Amino acid sequence: MSRKRRQFTREFKVEALRRVEESGKQLTQVARELGIRPDLLYRWKRRLAKGANADEVFTGNGVASPEAEEIRRLRRRLEEVEQERDFLKKAAAYFAQESQ
């Protein structure tokens, strides 16, 4: 039996983090009150600390745009091609050394 993945709105995430800061309570205690895992709150807090504001950090509900999917696919392909290139460089150097 699979569980459906819960999705949280930008407003919920921002409000949860505001609650942690303003209440003076431990992050784990606030997470327990909200019914979410503490590591999730830690992750949101870290992401918000890296970004400029909540609108940029919490962009959506997990569904990537077609452009973002294309970028992800192209980056994955680029990494594969770079690994192949590096392997071929090493193989060429090995065989060049062997023929001497």
PDB file of N, CA and C in Angstrom:
ATOM      1  N   MET A   1       0.850  -1.169   0.000  1.00  0.00           N
ATOM      2  CA  MET A   1       0.000   0.000   0.000  1.00  0.00           C
ATOM      3  C   MET A   1       0.901   1.238   0.000  1.00  0.00           C
ATOM      4  N   SER A   2       0.742   2.104  -0.959  1.00  0.00           N
ATOM      5  CA  SER A   2       1.579   3.304  -1.024  1.00  0.00           C
ATOM      6  C   SER A   2       0.852   4.485  -0.396  1.00  0.00           C
ATOM      7  N   ARG A   3       1.661   5.331   0.219  1.00  0.00           N
ATOM      8  CA  ARG A   3       1.089   6.523   0.843  1.00  0.00           C
ATOM      9  C   ARG A   3       1.210   7.684  -0.117  1.00  0.00           C
ATOM     10  N   LYS A   4       0.219   8.541  -0.124  1.00  0.00           N
ATOM     11  CA  LYS A   4       0.256   9.718  -0.975  1.00  0.00           C
ATOM     12  C   LYS A   4       1.180  10.757  -0.339  1.00  0.00           C
ATOM     13  N   ARG A   5       2.025  11.333  -1.137  1.00  0.00           N
ATOM     14  CA  ARG A   5       2.966  12.329  -0.658  1.00  0.00           C
ATOM     15  C   ARG A   5       2.234  13.627  -0.346  1.00  0.00           C
ATOM     16  N   ARG A   6       2.489  14.146   0.847  1.00  0.00           N
ATOM     17  CA  ARG A   6       1.825  15.395   1.242  1.00  0.00           C
ATOM     18  C   ARG A   6       2.526  16.576   0.593  1.00  0.00           C
ATOM     19  N   GLN A   7       1.746  17.556   0.209  1.00  0.00           N
ATOM     20  CA  GLN A   7       2.286  18.772  -0.376  1.00  0.00           C
ATOM     21  C   GLN A   7       1.871  19.945   0.487  1.00  0.00           C
ATOM     22  N   PHE A   8       2.794  20.877   0.674  1.00  0.00           N
ATOM     23  CA  PHE A   8       2.542  22.031   1.517  1.00  0.00           C
ATOM     24  C   PHE A   8       2.634  23.301   0.683  1.00  0.00           C
ATOM     25  N   THR A   9       1.756  24.226   0.946  1.00  0.00           N
ATOM     26  CA  THR A   9       1.764  25.491   0.218  1.00  0.00           C
ATOM     27  C   THR A   9       2.888  26.382   0.719  1.00  0.00           C
ATOM     28  N   ARG A  10       3.215  27.365  -0.082  1.00  0.00           N
ATOM     29  CA  ARG A  10       4.238  28.351   0.291  1.00  0.00           C
ATOM     30  C   ARG A  10       3.854  29.050   1.596  1.00  0.00           C
ATOM     31  N   GLU A  11       2.573  29.382   1.727  1.00  0.00           N
ATOM     32  CA  GLU A  11       2.102  30.075   2.918  1.00  0.00           C
ATOM     33  C   GLU A  11       2.287  29.223   4.174  1.00  0.00           C
ATOM     34  N   PHE A  12       2.018  27.924   4.054  1.00  0.00           N
ATOM     35  CA  PHE A  12       2.187  27.036   5.196  1.00  0.00           C
ATOM     36  C   PHE A  12       3.650  26.981   5.625  1.00  0.00           C
ATOM     37  N   LYS A  13       4.546  26.868   4.655  1.00  0.00           N
ATOM     38  CA  LYS A  13       5.976  26.792   4.961  1.00  0.00           C
ATOM     39  C   LYS A  13       6.470  28.065   5.631  1.00  0.00           C
ATOM     40  N   VAL A  14       6.069  29.201   5.083  1.00  0.00           N
ATOM     41  CA  VAL A  14       6.493  30.489   5.649  1.00  0.00           C
ATOM     42  C   VAL A  14       5.932  30.661   7.054  1.00  0.00           C
ATOM     43  N   GLU A  15       4.671  30.308   7.239  1.00  0.00           N
ATOM     44  CA  GLU A  15       4.040  30.436   8.551  1.00  0.00           C
ATOM     45  C   GLU A  15       4.699  29.504   9.569  1.00  0.00           C
ATOM     46  N   ALA A  16       5.043  28.306   9.166  1.00  0.00           N
ATOM     47  CA  ALA A  16       5.709  27.366  10.070  1.00  0.00           C
ATOM     48  C   ALA A  16       7.054  27.915  10.516  1.00  0.00           C
ATOM     49  N   LEU A  17       7.818  28.471   9.591  1.00  0.00           N
ATOM     50  CA  LEU A  17       9.131  29.029   9.938  1.00  0.00           C
ATOM     51  C   LEU A  17       8.984  30.287  10.805  1.00  0.00           C
ATOM     52  N   ARG A  18       7.955  31.092  10.528  1.00  0.00           N
ATOM     53  CA  ARG A  18       7.712  32.274  11.348  1.00  0.00           C
ATOM     54  C   ARG A  18       7.369  31.860  12.780  1.00  0.00           C
ATOM     55  N   ARG A  19       6.591  30.799  12.894  1.00  0.00           N
ATOM     56  CA  ARG A  19       6.207  30.284  14.207  1.00  0.00           C
ATOM     57  C   ARG A  19       7.425  29.858  15.024  1.00  0.00           C
ATOM     58  N   VAL A  20       8.385  29.227  14.356  1.00  0.00           N
ATOM     59  CA  VAL A  20       9.604  28.791  15.039  1.00  0.00           C
ATOM     60  C   VAL A  20      10.365  29.997  15.575  1.00  0.00           C
ATOM     61  N   GLU A  21      10.496  31.020  14.740  1.00  0.00           N
ATOM     62  CA  GLU A  21      11.264  32.201  15.134  1.00  0.00           C
ATOM     63  C   GLU A  21      10.570  33.004  16.227  1.00  0.00           C
ATOM     64  N   GLU A  22       9.278  33.213  16.099  1.00  0.00           N
ATOM     65  CA  GLU A  22       8.572  34.100  17.023  1.00  0.00           C
ATOM     66  C   GLU A  22       8.169  33.441  18.336  1.00  0.00           C
ATOM     67  N   SER A  23       7.960  32.137  18.325  1.00  0.00           N
ATOM     68  CA  SER A  23       7.472  31.484  19.539  1.00  0.00           C
ATOM     69  C   SER A  23       8.587  31.218  20.546  1.00  0.00           C
ATOM     70  N   GLY A  24       9.814  31.109  20.070  1.00  0.00           N
ATOM     71  CA  GLY A  24      10.910  30.787  20.967  1.00  0.00           C
ATOM     72  C   GLY A  24      10.949  29.309  21.322  1.00  0.00           C
ATOM     73  N   LYS A  25      10.065  28.527  20.710  1.00  0.00           N
ATOM     74  CA  LYS A  25      10.027  27.094  20.971  1.00  0.00           C
ATOM     75  C   LYS A  25      11.071  26.385  20.113  1.00  0.00           C
ATOM     76  N   GLN A  26      11.393  25.170  20.523  1.00  0.00           N
ATOM     77  CA  GLN A  26      12.299  24.341  19.742  1.00  0.00           C
ATOM     78  C   GLN A  26      11.646  24.013  18.402  1.00  0.00           C
ATOM     79  N   LEU A  27      12.467  23.875  17.381  1.00  0.00           N
ATOM     80  CA  LEU A  27      11.969  23.553  16.057  1.00  0.00           C
ATOM     81  C   LEU A  27      11.242  22.216  16.073  1.00  0.00           C
ATOM     82  N   THR A  28      11.768  21.253  16.805  1.00  0.00           N
ATOM     83  CA  THR A  28      11.115  19.942  16.874  1.00  0.00           C
ATOM     84  C   THR A  28       9.736  20.019  17.521  1.00  0.00           C
ATOM     85  N   GLN A  29       9.594  20.898  18.505  1.00  0.00           N
ATOM     86  CA  GLN A  29       8.298  21.044  19.176  1.00  0.00           C
ATOM     87  C   GLN A  29       7.271  21.658  18.225  1.00  0.00           C
ATOM     88  N   VAL A  30       7.675  22.669  17.464  1.00  0.00           N
ATOM     89  CA  VAL A  30       6.767  23.286  16.488  1.00  0.00           C
ATOM     90  C   VAL A  30       6.383  22.272  15.424  1.00  0.00           C
ATOM     91  N   ALA A  31       7.346  21.467  14.974  1.00  0.00           N
ATOM     92  CA  ALA A  31       7.058  20.441  13.967  1.00  0.00           C
ATOM     93  C   ALA A  31       6.027  19.454  14.496  1.00  0.00           C
ATOM     94  N   ARG A  32       6.185  19.058  15.747  1.00  0.00           N
ATOM     95  CA  ARG A  32       5.242  18.124  16.362  1.00  0.00           C
ATOM     96  C   ARG A  32       3.849  18.739  16.410  1.00  0.00           C
ATOM     97  N   GLU A  33       3.767  20.025  16.775  1.00  0.00           N
ATOM     98  CA  GLU A  33       2.468  20.700  16.848  1.00  0.00           C
ATOM     99  C   GLU A  33       1.793  20.771  15.481  1.00  0.00           C
ATOM    100  N   LEU A  34       2.600  20.945  14.433  1.00  0.00           N
ATOM    101  CA  LEU A  34       2.049  21.049  13.082  1.00  0.00           C
ATOM    102  C   LEU A  34       1.812  19.692  12.426  1.00  0.00           C
ATOM    103  N   GLY A  35       2.328  18.650  13.040  1.00  0.00           N
ATOM    104  CA  GLY A  35       2.135  17.314  12.492  1.00  0.00           C
ATOM    105  C   GLY A  35       3.055  17.001  11.327  1.00  0.00           C
ATOM    106  N   ILE A  36       4.239  17.585  11.316  1.00  0.00           N
ATOM    107  CA  ILE A  36       5.215  17.307  10.258  1.00  0.00           C
ATOM    108  C   ILE A  36       6.525  16.849  10.895  1.00  0.00           C
ATOM    109  N   ARG A  37       7.386  16.265  10.085  1.00  0.00           N
ATOM    110  CA  ARG A  37       8.677  15.795  10.577  1.00  0.00           C
ATOM    111  C   ARG A  37       9.624  16.975  10.800  1.00  0.00           C
ATOM    112  N   PRO A  38      10.429  16.931  11.845  1.00  0.00           N
ATOM    113  CA  PRO A  38      11.367  18.033  12.119  1.00  0.00           C
ATOM    114  C   PRO A  38      12.378  18.250  10.999  1.00  0.00           C
ATOM    115  N   ASP A  39      12.822  17.171  10.350  1.00  0.00           N
ATOM    116  CA  ASP A  39      13.807  17.340   9.285  1.00  0.00           C
ATOM    117  C   ASP A  39      13.243  18.143   8.118  1.00  0.00           C
ATOM    118  N   LEU A  40      11.943  18.085   7.938  1.00  0.00           N
ATOM    119  CA  LEU A  40      11.300  18.874   6.891  1.00  0.00           C
ATOM    120  C   LEU A  40      11.409  20.368   7.209  1.00  0.00           C
ATOM    121  N   LEU A  41      11.151  20.718   8.452  1.00  0.00           N
ATOM    122  CA  LEU A  41      11.284  22.121   8.870  1.00  0.00           C
ATOM    123  C   LEU A  41      12.729  22.589   8.760  1.00  0.00           C
ATOM    124  N   TYR A  42      13.678  21.729   9.155  1.00  0.00           N
ATOM    125  CA  TYR A  42      15.091  22.078   9.025  1.00  0.00           C
ATOM    126  C   TYR A  42      15.447  22.353   7.563  1.00  0.00           C
ATOM    127  N   ARG A  43      14.939  21.522   6.667  1.00  0.00           N
ATOM    128  CA  ARG A  43      15.222  21.688   5.241  1.00  0.00           C
ATOM    129  C   ARG A  43      14.646  23.005   4.716  1.00  0.00           C
ATOM    130  N   TRP A  44      13.406  23.311   5.116  1.00  0.00           N
ATOM    131  CA  TRP A  44      12.802  24.575   4.689  1.00  0.00           C
ATOM    132  C   TRP A  44      13.599  25.758   5.214  1.00  0.00           C
ATOM    133  N   LYS A  45      14.042  25.654   6.458  1.00  0.00           N
ATOM    134  CA  LYS A  45      14.812  26.746   7.067  1.00  0.00           C
ATOM    135  C   LYS A  45      16.132  26.966   6.326  1.00  0.00           C
ATOM    136  N   ARG A  46      16.810  25.866   6.000  1.00  0.00           N
ATOM    137  CA  ARG A  46      18.063  25.958   5.247  1.00  0.00           C
ATOM    138  C   ARG A  46      17.844  26.572   3.867  1.00  0.00           C
ATOM    139  N   ARG A  47      16.791  26.134   3.179  1.00  0.00           N
ATOM    140  CA  ARG A  47      16.503  26.668   1.847  1.00  0.00           C
ATOM    141  C   ARG A  47      16.197  28.159   1.905  1.00  0.00           C
ATOM    142  N   LEU A  48      15.458  28.560   2.933  1.00  0.00           N
ATOM    143  CA  LEU A  48      15.117  29.971   3.067  1.00  0.00           C
ATOM    144  C   LEU A  48      16.359  30.793   3.397  1.00  0.00           C
ATOM    145  N   ALA A  49      17.274  30.251   4.178  1.00  0.00           N
ATOM    146  CA  ALA A  49      18.503  30.959   4.520  1.00  0.00           C
ATOM    147  C   ALA A  49      19.373  31.175   3.285  1.00  0.00           C
ATOM    148  N   LYS A  50      19.339  30.231   2.341  1.00  0.00           N
ATOM    149  CA  LYS A  50      20.136  30.353   1.116  1.00  0.00           C
ATOM    150  C   LYS A  50      19.518  31.336   0.128  1.00  0.00           C
ATOM    151  N   GLY A  51      18.197  31.403   0.081  1.00  0.00           N
ATOM    152  CA  GLY A  51      17.503  32.239  -0.891  1.00  0.00           C
ATOM    153  C   GLY A  51      17.249  33.634  -0.379  1.00  0.00           C
ATOM    154  N   ALA A  52      16.837  34.486  -1.292  1.00  0.00           N
ATOM    155  CA  ALA A  52      16.586  35.887  -0.945  1.00  0.00           C
ATOM    156  C   ALA A  52      15.253  36.057  -0.223  1.00  0.00           C
ATOM    157  N   ASN A  53      14.214  35.428  -0.738  1.00  0.00           N
ATOM    158  CA  ASN A  53      12.909  35.535  -0.084  1.00  0.00           C
ATOM    159  C   ASN A  53      12.088  34.277  -0.340  1.00  0.00           C
ATOM    160  N   ALA A  54      10.982  34.159   0.336  1.00  0.00           N
ATOM    161  CA  ALA A  54      10.167  32.943   0.277  1.00  0.00           C
ATOM    162  C   ALA A  54       9.584  32.697  -1.114  1.00  0.00           C
ATOM    163  N   ASP A  55       9.277  33.753  -1.856  1.00  0.00           N
ATOM    164  CA  ASP A  55       8.710  33.563  -3.190  1.00  0.00           C
ATOM    165  C   ASP A  55       9.697  32.873  -4.126  1.00  0.00           C
ATOM    166  N   GLU A  56      10.990  33.170  -3.962  1.00  0.00           N
ATOM    167  CA  GLU A  56      12.002  32.544  -4.812  1.00  0.00           C
ATOM    168  C   GLU A  56      12.339  31.136  -4.341  1.00  0.00           C
ATOM    169  N   VAL A  57      12.315  30.917  -3.025  1.00  0.00           N
ATOM    170  CA  VAL A  57      12.723  29.629  -2.472  1.00  0.00           C
ATOM    171  C   VAL A  57      11.623  28.591  -2.613  1.00  0.00           C
ATOM    172  N   PHE A  58      10.419  28.932  -2.220  1.00  0.00           N
ATOM    173  CA  PHE A  58       9.299  27.994  -2.268  1.00  0.00           C
ATOM    174  C   PHE A  58       8.476  28.316  -3.515  1.00  0.00           C
ATOM    175  N   THR A  59       8.937  27.808  -4.656  1.00  0.00           N
ATOM    176  CA  THR A  59       8.362  28.216  -5.931  1.00  0.00           C
ATOM    177  C   THR A  59       7.068  27.514  -6.304  1.00  0.00           C
ATOM    178  N   GLY A  60       6.848  26.322  -5.832  1.00  0.00           N
ATOM    179  CA  GLY A  60       5.643  25.645  -6.274  1.00  0.00           C
ATOM    180  C   GLY A  60       5.303  24.450  -5.432  1.00  0.00           C
ATOM    181  N   ASN A  61       4.513  23.568  -6.004  1.00  0.00           N
ATOM    182  CA  ASN A  61       4.062  22.401  -5.251  1.00  0.00           C
ATOM    183  C   ASN A  61       4.764  21.128  -5.699  1.00  0.00           C
ATOM    184  N   GLY A  62       5.953  21.250  -6.252  1.00  0.00           N
ATOM    185  CA  GLY A  62       6.719  20.080  -6.619  1.00  0.00           C
ATOM    186  C   GLY A  62       6.595  19.672  -8.068  1.00  0.00           C
ATOM    187  N   VAL A  63       5.725  20.287  -8.826  1.00  0.00           N
ATOM    188  CA  VAL A  63       5.569  19.965 -10.233  1.00  0.00           C
ATOM    189  C   VAL A  63       6.449  20.917 -11.032  1.00  0.00           C
ATOM    190  N   ALA A  64       7.453  20.360 -11.689  1.00  0.00           N
ATOM    191  CA  ALA A  64       8.394  21.184 -12.432  1.00  0.00           C
ATOM    192  C   ALA A  64       7.791  21.615 -13.767  1.00  0.00           C
ATOM    193  N   SER A  65       8.163  22.801 -14.188  1.00  0.00           N
ATOM    194  CA  SER A  65       7.706  23.296 -15.480  1.00  0.00           C
ATOM    195  C   SER A  65       8.416  22.520 -16.585  1.00  0.00           C
ATOM    196  N   PRO A  66       7.893  22.560 -17.802  1.00  0.00           N
ATOM    197  CA  PRO A  66       8.557  21.851 -18.906  1.00  0.00           C
ATOM    198  C   PRO A  66      10.000  22.336 -19.125  1.00  0.00           C
ATOM    199  N   GLU A  67      10.220  23.635 -18.924  1.00  0.00           N
ATOM    200  CA  GLU A  67      11.563  24.166 -19.095  1.00  0.00           C
ATOM    201  C   GLU A  67      12.513  23.598 -18.042  1.00  0.00           C
ATOM    202  N   ALA A  68      12.040  23.510 -16.806  1.00  0.00           N
ATOM    203  CA  ALA A  68      12.866  22.960 -15.727  1.00  0.00           C
ATOM    204  C   ALA A  68      13.160  21.475 -15.973  1.00  0.00           C
ATOM    205  N   GLU A  69      12.185  20.747 -16.478  1.00  0.00           N
ATOM    206  CA  GLU A  69      12.399  19.339 -16.811  1.00  0.00           C
ATOM    207  C   GLU A  69      13.438  19.198 -17.921  1.00  0.00           C
ATOM    208  N   GLU A  70      13.348  20.055 -18.916  1.00  0.00           N
ATOM    209  CA  GLU A  70      14.307  20.024 -20.027  1.00  0.00           C
ATOM    210  C   GLU A  70      15.717  20.335 -19.532  1.00  0.00           C
ATOM    211  N   ILE A  71      15.844  21.317 -18.665  1.00  0.00           N
ATOM    212  CA  ILE A  71      17.153  21.661 -18.105  1.00  0.00           C
ATOM    213  C   ILE A  71      17.699  20.493 -17.303  1.00  0.00           C
ATOM    214  N   ARG A  72      16.875  19.861 -16.488  1.00  0.00           N
ATOM    215  CA  ARG A  72      17.298  18.714 -15.689  1.00  0.00           C
ATOM    216  C   ARG A  72      17.765  17.576 -16.593  1.00  0.00           C
ATOM    217  N   ARG A  73      17.005  17.311 -17.656  1.00  0.00           N
ATOM    218  CA  ARG A  73      17.361  16.242 -18.590  1.00  0.00           C
ATOM    219  C   ARG A  73      18.690  16.548 -19.280  1.00  0.00           C
ATOM    220  N   LEU A  74      18.858  17.806 -19.722  1.00  0.00           N
ATOM    221  CA  LEU A  74      20.094  18.185 -20.412  1.00  0.00           C
ATOM    222  C   LEU A  74      21.304  18.142 -19.479  1.00  0.00           C
ATOM    223  N   ARG A  75      21.139  18.533 -18.240  1.00  0.00           N
ATOM    224  CA  ARG A  75      22.252  18.462 -17.279  1.00  0.00           C
ATOM    225  C   ARG A  75      22.658  17.009 -17.034  1.00  0.00           C
ATOM    226  N   ARG A  76      21.661  16.139 -16.919  1.00  0.00           N
ATOM    227  CA  ARG A  76      21.948  14.719 -16.720  1.00  0.00           C
ATOM    228  C   ARG A  76      22.718  14.161 -17.917  1.00  0.00           C
ATOM    229  N   ARG A  77      22.281  14.530 -19.120  1.00  0.00           N
ATOM    230  CA  ARG A  77      22.955  14.066 -20.342  1.00  0.00           C
ATOM    231  C   ARG A  77      24.371  14.623 -20.426  1.00  0.00           C
ATOM    232  N   LEU A  78      24.556  15.887 -20.074  1.00  0.00           N
ATOM    233  CA  LEU A  78      25.879  16.496 -20.081  1.00  0.00           C
ATOM    234  C   LEU A  78      26.819  15.753 -19.139  1.00  0.00           C
ATOM    235  N   GLU A  79      26.335  15.398 -17.969  1.00  0.00           N
ATOM    236  CA  GLU A  79      27.159  14.657 -17.014  1.00  0.00           C
ATOM    237  C   GLU A  79      27.574  13.304 -17.584  1.00  0.00           C
ATOM    238  N   GLU A  80      26.654  12.619 -18.248  1.00  0.00           N
ATOM    239  CA  GLU A  80      26.974  11.328 -18.864  1.00  0.00           C
ATOM    240  C   GLU A  80      28.046  11.490 -19.932  1.00  0.00           C
ATOM    241  N   VAL A  81      27.899  12.500 -20.770  1.00  0.00           N
ATOM    242  CA  VAL A  81      28.859  12.730 -21.850  1.00  0.00           C
ATOM    243  C   VAL A  81      30.232  13.090 -21.285  1.00  0.00           C
ATOM    244  N   GLU A  82      30.265  13.888 -20.230  1.00  0.00           N
ATOM    245  CA  GLU A  82      31.545  14.242 -19.608  1.00  0.00           C
ATOM    246  C   GLU A  82      32.221  13.014 -19.015  1.00  0.00           C
ATOM    247  N   GLN A  83      31.454  12.115 -18.413  1.00  0.00           N
ATOM    248  CA  GLN A  83      32.032  10.889 -17.870  1.00  0.00           C
ATOM    249  C   GLN A  83      32.595  10.017 -18.986  1.00  0.00           C
ATOM    250  N   GLU A  84      31.870   9.925 -20.105  1.00  0.00           N
ATOM    251  CA  GLU A  84      32.365   9.158 -21.244  1.00  0.00           C
ATOM    252  C   GLU A  84      33.656   9.765 -21.780  1.00  0.00           C
ATOM    253  N   ARG A  85      33.691  11.081 -21.898  1.00  0.00           N
ATOM    254  CA  ARG A  85      34.884  11.769 -22.383  1.00  0.00           C
ATOM    255  C   ARG A  85      36.078  11.512 -21.472  1.00  0.00           C
ATOM    256  N   ASP A  86      35.865  11.625 -20.156  1.00  0.00           N
ATOM    257  CA  ASP A  86      36.947  11.392 -19.202  1.00  0.00           C
ATOM    258  C   ASP A  86      37.461   9.961 -19.293  1.00  0.00           C
ATOM    259  N   PHE A  87      36.563   9.011 -19.459  1.00  0.00           N
ATOM    260  CA  PHE A  87      36.967   7.618 -19.594  1.00  0.00           C
ATOM    261  C   PHE A  87      37.810   7.423 -20.851  1.00  0.00           C
ATOM    262  N   LEU A  88      37.364   8.012 -21.955  1.00  0.00           N
ATOM    263  CA  LEU A  88      38.109   7.867 -23.204  1.00  0.00           C
ATOM    264  C   LEU A  88      39.482   8.524 -23.128  1.00  0.00           C
ATOM    265  N   LYS A  89      39.587   9.637 -22.427  1.00  0.00           N
ATOM    266  CA  LYS A  89      40.889  10.282 -22.233  1.00  0.00           C
ATOM    267  C   LYS A  89      41.842   9.353 -21.493  1.00  0.00           C
ATOM    268  N   LYS A  90      41.339   8.742 -20.420  1.00  0.00           N
ATOM    269  CA  LYS A  90      42.167   7.838 -19.627  1.00  0.00           C
ATOM    270  C   LYS A  90      42.557   6.605 -20.433  1.00  0.00           C
ATOM    271  N   ALA A  91      41.613   6.087 -21.209  1.00  0.00           N
ATOM    272  CA  ALA A  91      41.911   4.914 -22.032  1.00  0.00           C
ATOM    273  C   ALA A  91      42.956   5.248 -23.085  1.00  0.00           C
ATOM    274  N   ALA A  92      42.835   6.410 -23.708  1.00  0.00           N
ATOM    275  CA  ALA A  92      43.809   6.822 -24.722  1.00  0.00           C
ATOM    276  C   ALA A  92      45.188   6.997 -24.098  1.00  0.00           C
ATOM    277  N   ALA A  93      45.260   7.590 -22.937  1.00  0.00           N
ATOM    278  CA  ALA A  93      46.544   7.773 -22.245  1.00  0.00           C
ATOM    279  C   ALA A  93      47.133   6.416 -21.874  1.00  0.00           C
ATOM    280  N   TYR A  94      46.319   5.475 -21.456  1.00  0.00           N
ATOM    281  CA  TYR A  94      46.795   4.149 -21.085  1.00  0.00           C
ATOM    282  C   TYR A  94      47.386   3.430 -22.290  1.00  0.00           C
ATOM    283  N   PHE A  95      46.660   3.453 -23.413  1.00  0.00           N
ATOM    284  CA  PHE A  95      47.149   2.753 -24.603  1.00  0.00           C
ATOM    285  C   PHE A  95      48.347   3.465 -25.225  1.00  0.00           C
ATOM    286  N   ALA A  96      48.420   4.766 -25.110  1.00  0.00           N
ATOM    287  CA  ALA A  96      49.590   5.495 -25.619  1.00  0.00           C
ATOM    288  C   ALA A  96      50.812   5.131 -24.788  1.00  0.00           C
ATOM    289  N   GLN A  97      50.650   4.951 -23.519  1.00  0.00           N
ATOM    290  CA  GLN A  97      51.743   4.580 -22.623  1.00  0.00           C
ATOM    291  C   GLN A  97      52.191   3.144 -22.907  1.00  0.00           C
ATOM    292  N   GLU A  98      51.233   2.271 -23.193  1.00  0.00           N
ATOM    293  CA  GLU A  98      51.518   0.871 -23.434  1.00  0.00           C
ATOM    294  C   GLU A  98      52.295   0.657 -24.729  1.00  0.00           C
ATOM    295  N   SER A  99      52.053   1.475 -25.737  1.00  0.00           N
ATOM    296  CA  SER A  99      52.693   1.303 -27.051  1.00  0.00           C
ATOM    297  C   SER A  99      54.127   1.814 -27.076  1.00  0.00           C
ATOM    298  N   GLN A 100      54.570   2.485 -26.040  1.00  0.00           N
ATOM    299  CA  GLN A 100      55.951   3.003 -26.031  1.00  0.00           C
ATOM    300  C   GLN A 100      56.955   1.983 -25.654  1.00  0.00           C
TER     301      GLN A 100
END
